[in-house]
Protein backbone atom coordinates (compact mmCIF):
# COMPACT_ATOMS: atom_id res chain seq x y z
CA UNK A 1 -0.09 0.00 -0.09
CA UNK A 2 0.92 3.56 -0.58
CA UNK A 3 0.21 6.16 2.15
CA UNK A 4 1.75 9.56 2.59
CA UNK A 5 3.61 9.12 5.80
CA UNK A 6 6.83 10.98 6.45
CA UNK A 7 8.93 7.89 5.46
CA UNK A 8 8.33 4.88 3.27
CA UNK A 9 4.97 3.06 3.44
CA UNK A 10 5.70 -0.65 3.57
CA UNK A 11 7.80 -3.26 4.67
CA UNK A 12 8.73 -6.55 3.56
CA UNK A 13 5.30 -8.27 3.21
CA UNK A 14 5.89 -8.97 -0.45
CA UNK A 15 8.53 -11.41 0.59
CA UNK A 16 6.36 -13.72 2.81
CA UNK A 17 5.22 -15.52 0.01
CA UNK A 18 8.49 -16.58 -1.31
CA UNK A 19 10.57 -17.96 1.40
CA UNK A 20 10.31 -20.78 3.87
CA UNK A 21 10.01 -18.90 7.08
CA UNK A 22 10.42 -20.03 10.75
CA UNK A 23 8.33 -17.92 13.34
CA UNK A 24 10.48 -16.09 15.59
CA UNK A 25 8.37 -17.35 18.50
CA UNK A 26 9.29 -21.05 17.85
CA UNK A 27 12.52 -21.13 15.86
CA UNK A 28 14.70 -17.96 16.82
CA UNK A 29 14.59 -18.06 20.40
CA UNK A 30 15.75 -20.42 23.02
CA UNK A 31 13.23 -22.96 23.81
CA UNK A 32 13.20 -21.71 27.53
CA UNK A 33 11.70 -18.40 26.21
CA UNK A 34 8.08 -17.80 25.14
CA UNK A 35 7.57 -14.80 22.74
CA UNK A 36 4.04 -13.41 21.84
CA UNK A 37 2.54 -14.29 18.29
CA UNK A 38 3.32 -11.14 15.91
CA UNK A 39 4.39 -10.59 12.27
CA UNK A 40 8.15 -11.08 12.61
CA UNK A 41 10.03 -14.29 11.36
CA UNK A 42 13.53 -15.23 11.27
CA UNK A 43 14.88 -17.12 7.99
CA UNK A 44 17.41 -19.59 9.13
CA UNK A 45 17.98 -21.44 5.98
CA UNK A 46 20.18 -19.03 4.36
CA UNK A 47 23.84 -18.12 4.54
CA UNK A 48 23.27 -15.24 6.64
CA UNK A 49 20.17 -15.57 8.68
CA UNK A 50 17.63 -12.39 8.48
CA UNK A 51 14.32 -11.16 9.77
CA UNK A 52 11.15 -10.61 7.90
CA UNK A 53 8.77 -8.07 9.53
CA UNK A 54 5.53 -7.80 8.45
CA UNK A 55 4.25 -3.80 8.08
CA UNK A 56 1.30 -2.34 9.84
CA UNK A 57 1.08 1.27 8.48
CA UNK A 58 -1.15 2.77 10.95
CA UNK A 59 -0.91 2.16 14.87
CA UNK A 60 -1.99 4.54 17.95
CA UNK A 61 0.37 5.30 20.53
CA UNK A 62 -1.41 3.03 22.86
CA UNK A 63 0.05 -0.16 20.64
CA UNK A 64 3.51 0.97 22.15
CA UNK A 65 5.81 -0.62 23.46
CA UNK A 66 5.71 -3.35 20.66
CA UNK A 67 5.91 -6.99 21.53
CA UNK A 68 9.52 -8.35 22.18
CA UNK A 69 10.18 -9.95 18.69
CA UNK A 70 10.35 -6.59 17.22
CA UNK A 71 12.84 -5.27 19.32
CA UNK A 72 14.91 -8.44 19.13
CA UNK A 73 14.80 -7.88 15.25
CA UNK A 74 15.70 -4.34 15.69
CA UNK A 75 18.87 -5.01 17.97
CA UNK A 76 20.00 -8.02 16.05
CA UNK A 77 19.92 -6.59 12.59
CA UNK A 78 22.79 -4.59 10.75
CA UNK A 79 20.80 -3.75 7.81
CA UNK A 80 17.18 -2.73 7.20
CA UNK A 81 15.61 -3.10 3.69
CA UNK A 82 12.39 -1.40 2.75
CA UNK A 83 10.06 -1.67 -0.38
CA UNK A 84 12.43 1.48 -1.36
CA UNK A 85 14.95 3.25 0.33
CA UNK A 86 13.27 5.63 2.68
CA UNK A 87 16.14 8.05 2.69
CA UNK A 88 15.08 8.69 -0.93
CA UNK A 89 11.64 9.56 0.48
CA UNK A 90 11.52 13.38 -1.05
CA UNK A 91 12.29 12.11 -4.41
CA UNK A 92 9.49 9.47 -4.10
CA UNK A 93 7.03 11.78 -3.17
CA UNK A 94 7.71 14.12 -6.15
CA UNK A 95 7.65 11.57 -8.76
CA UNK A 96 4.76 9.70 -6.98
CA UNK A 97 2.37 12.86 -7.14
CA UNK A 98 3.65 13.57 -10.67
CA UNK A 99 2.52 10.28 -11.72
CA UNK A 100 -0.80 10.86 -10.16
CA UNK A 101 -1.80 13.77 -12.25
CA UNK A 102 -3.28 13.91 -15.77
CA UNK A 103 -1.66 15.95 -18.57
CA UNK A 104 -3.13 19.30 -19.38
CA UNK A 105 -6.48 18.81 -21.04
CA UNK A 106 -7.45 15.90 -19.05
CA UNK A 107 -9.27 15.27 -15.82
CA UNK A 108 -11.37 12.99 -13.70
CA UNK A 109 -14.62 13.93 -15.28
CA UNK A 110 -13.77 11.76 -18.57
CA UNK A 111 -12.19 8.99 -16.84
CA UNK A 112 -14.85 7.56 -14.39
CA UNK A 113 -18.62 7.10 -14.46
CA UNK A 114 -20.80 10.09 -14.17
CA UNK A 115 -22.45 8.32 -11.28
CA UNK A 116 -19.48 7.75 -9.20
CA UNK A 117 -18.19 11.25 -9.82
CA UNK A 118 -21.45 12.71 -8.73
CA UNK A 119 -20.87 10.59 -5.42
CA UNK A 120 -17.48 12.15 -4.93
CA UNK A 121 -18.68 15.64 -5.45
CA UNK A 122 -21.45 15.02 -2.74
CA UNK A 123 -19.81 12.97 -0.23
CA UNK A 124 -16.11 14.61 -0.34
CA UNK A 125 -14.27 17.83 0.34
CA UNK A 126 -10.93 19.18 0.45
CA UNK A 127 -9.00 20.97 3.12
CA UNK A 128 -6.59 23.72 2.13
CA UNK A 129 -4.52 26.19 4.15
CA UNK A 130 -6.58 29.32 4.96
CA UNK A 131 -5.69 32.12 2.88
CA UNK A 132 -5.47 34.33 5.92
CA UNK A 133 -2.47 32.58 7.10
CA UNK A 134 -1.90 30.86 10.40
CA UNK A 135 -2.63 26.97 11.00
CA UNK A 136 -6.28 27.29 9.93
CA UNK A 137 -7.95 25.36 7.04
CA UNK A 138 -11.01 25.86 5.08
CA UNK A 139 -12.90 23.48 2.98
CA UNK A 140 -13.14 23.57 -0.71
CA UNK A 141 -15.23 21.66 -3.17
CA UNK A 142 -13.85 18.20 -4.43
CA UNK A 143 -13.65 19.79 -8.02
CA UNK A 144 -10.43 21.12 -6.88
CA UNK A 145 -8.79 17.91 -7.30
CA UNK A 146 -10.01 16.74 -10.55
CA UNK A 147 -6.57 16.71 -12.14
CA UNK A 148 -5.81 13.64 -10.12
CA UNK A 149 -6.10 10.10 -11.17
CA UNK A 150 -8.50 7.72 -9.35
CA UNK A 151 -6.18 5.51 -7.52
CA UNK A 152 -4.64 8.66 -6.09
CA UNK A 153 -7.76 9.81 -4.69
CA UNK A 154 -8.50 6.27 -3.65
CA UNK A 155 -5.44 5.91 -1.78
CA UNK A 156 -5.50 9.58 -0.33
CA UNK A 157 -9.01 9.39 1.18
CA UNK A 158 -8.95 10.16 4.91
CA UNK A 159 -11.96 9.43 6.94
CA UNK A 160 -12.80 11.60 10.00
CA UNK A 161 -10.79 11.04 12.74
CA UNK A 162 -13.93 9.37 14.84
CA UNK A 163 -13.71 6.51 12.55
CA UNK A 164 -10.00 5.42 13.96
CA UNK A 165 -7.46 6.57 16.48
CA UNK A 166 -4.58 5.25 14.36
CA UNK A 167 -2.17 7.14 12.49
CA UNK A 168 0.56 6.52 9.98
CA UNK A 169 3.11 8.53 12.03
CA UNK A 170 2.93 5.89 14.60
CA UNK A 171 3.02 3.00 12.00
CA UNK A 172 5.91 0.27 11.98
CA UNK A 173 7.51 1.84 9.09
CA UNK A 174 8.59 4.92 10.74
CA UNK A 175 9.14 3.29 14.09
CA UNK A 176 11.84 0.91 12.32
CA UNK A 177 13.39 3.83 10.10
CA UNK A 178 13.52 6.05 12.98
CA UNK A 179 15.39 3.37 15.14
CA UNK A 180 17.48 2.27 12.23
CA UNK A 181 18.74 5.79 11.89
CA UNK A 182 19.20 6.45 15.66
CA UNK A 183 21.43 3.36 15.94
CA UNK A 184 23.32 3.99 12.74
CA UNK A 185 22.05 0.94 10.72
CA UNK A 186 22.51 0.59 6.98
CA UNK A 187 19.33 1.19 5.16
CA UNK A 188 18.32 0.22 1.70
CA UNK A 189 15.43 -0.66 -0.70
CA UNK A 190 14.05 -3.66 -2.49
CA UNK A 191 13.09 -1.42 -5.40
CA UNK A 192 14.32 1.87 -7.07
CA UNK A 193 12.14 4.90 -6.81
CA UNK A 194 10.98 4.50 -10.48
CA UNK A 195 9.83 1.07 -9.76
CA UNK A 196 8.08 1.76 -6.78
CA UNK A 197 6.22 4.66 -8.36
CA UNK A 198 5.36 2.61 -11.23
CA UNK A 199 3.34 -0.01 -9.47
CA UNK A 200 0.47 2.50 -8.69
CA UNK A 201 1.47 4.85 -11.42
CA UNK A 202 1.08 2.32 -14.20
CA UNK A 203 -2.53 1.50 -13.14
CA UNK A 204 -5.28 2.13 -15.59
CA UNK A 205 -8.14 4.29 -15.03
CA UNK A 206 -10.32 1.25 -15.00
CA UNK A 207 -8.32 -0.25 -12.15
CA UNK A 208 -8.29 3.22 -10.40
CA UNK A 209 -12.21 3.46 -10.75
CA UNK A 210 -12.33 -0.04 -9.36
CA UNK A 211 -10.24 0.89 -6.21
CA UNK A 212 -12.65 4.21 -5.80
CA UNK A 213 -15.73 1.92 -6.05
CA UNK A 214 -14.38 -0.25 -3.14
CA UNK A 215 -13.57 2.44 -1.00
CA UNK A 216 -17.15 3.99 -1.68
CA UNK A 217 -18.87 0.68 -0.68
CA UNK A 218 -16.54 0.89 2.65
CA UNK A 219 -17.61 4.35 3.42
CA UNK A 220 -21.24 3.68 2.93
CA UNK A 221 -21.40 0.93 5.20
CA UNK A 222 -19.44 3.20 7.78
CA UNK A 223 -21.89 5.92 7.01
CA UNK A 224 -24.69 3.90 8.45
CA UNK A 225 -23.07 4.62 11.90
CA UNK A 226 -23.31 8.25 11.50
CA UNK A 227 -23.93 10.76 8.85
CA UNK A 228 -20.38 12.13 8.16
CA UNK A 229 -18.62 13.39 5.01
CA UNK A 230 -15.55 11.99 3.97
CA UNK A 231 -12.19 14.36 4.01
CA UNK A 232 -9.31 14.65 1.79
CA UNK A 233 -6.39 16.24 3.73
CA UNK A 234 -4.65 19.06 1.72
CA UNK A 235 -1.38 17.88 2.76
CA UNK A 236 -2.08 14.66 0.74
CA UNK A 237 -3.65 16.19 -2.30
CA UNK A 238 -2.58 19.58 -3.06
CA UNK A 239 0.54 20.63 -4.89
CA UNK A 240 2.13 23.30 -6.72
CA UNK A 241 1.30 23.61 -10.35
């Protein structure tokens, strides 16, 4: 998944289907120790054993401290590999947003069904910085985001805070990156920035519309609990140009 977090959104989940893994709770620790179940594995049938950590992109402060296996993996590892190198996050954000925009003369209105576009206009609004300055924001019409492709809008929907108390700022991705940097560990990526951008940037409008419809179904179910609008955060959808 792609989320606009401070650093890379992603861990090593993609590798879980490609390797024979031994859960840390069973194979990596002495038999006298019992670790809680969690998404940490230690691969032992390799020349250099290593850990795989399944990423959870959004957590809350209450989820910390993490179960012991996460700290064991952090302490024992000398190199951390993410989906792409999080130290190149600024380059990724710039290229990712560029890939999310239609070229001049095109916009969302001709790319998705009129019915879905009408739903977006009715149920979504965008928060932008208040022109009067300060830290305030003001809502504007969804039409201000028509230059973005369906997959970008789908990935950058932000439900009202009452739906969830989690945040990507507290996610495992940022936790591991921050600790790796503090400890002076080596950091790298499985993909280049361009390869990572292409995963979503290469989606067709049809695939993007499918993502929007899936989210619409989810929000329609949620709205039964309360009549609340969907918000697009200005820090996620607005840009220069």
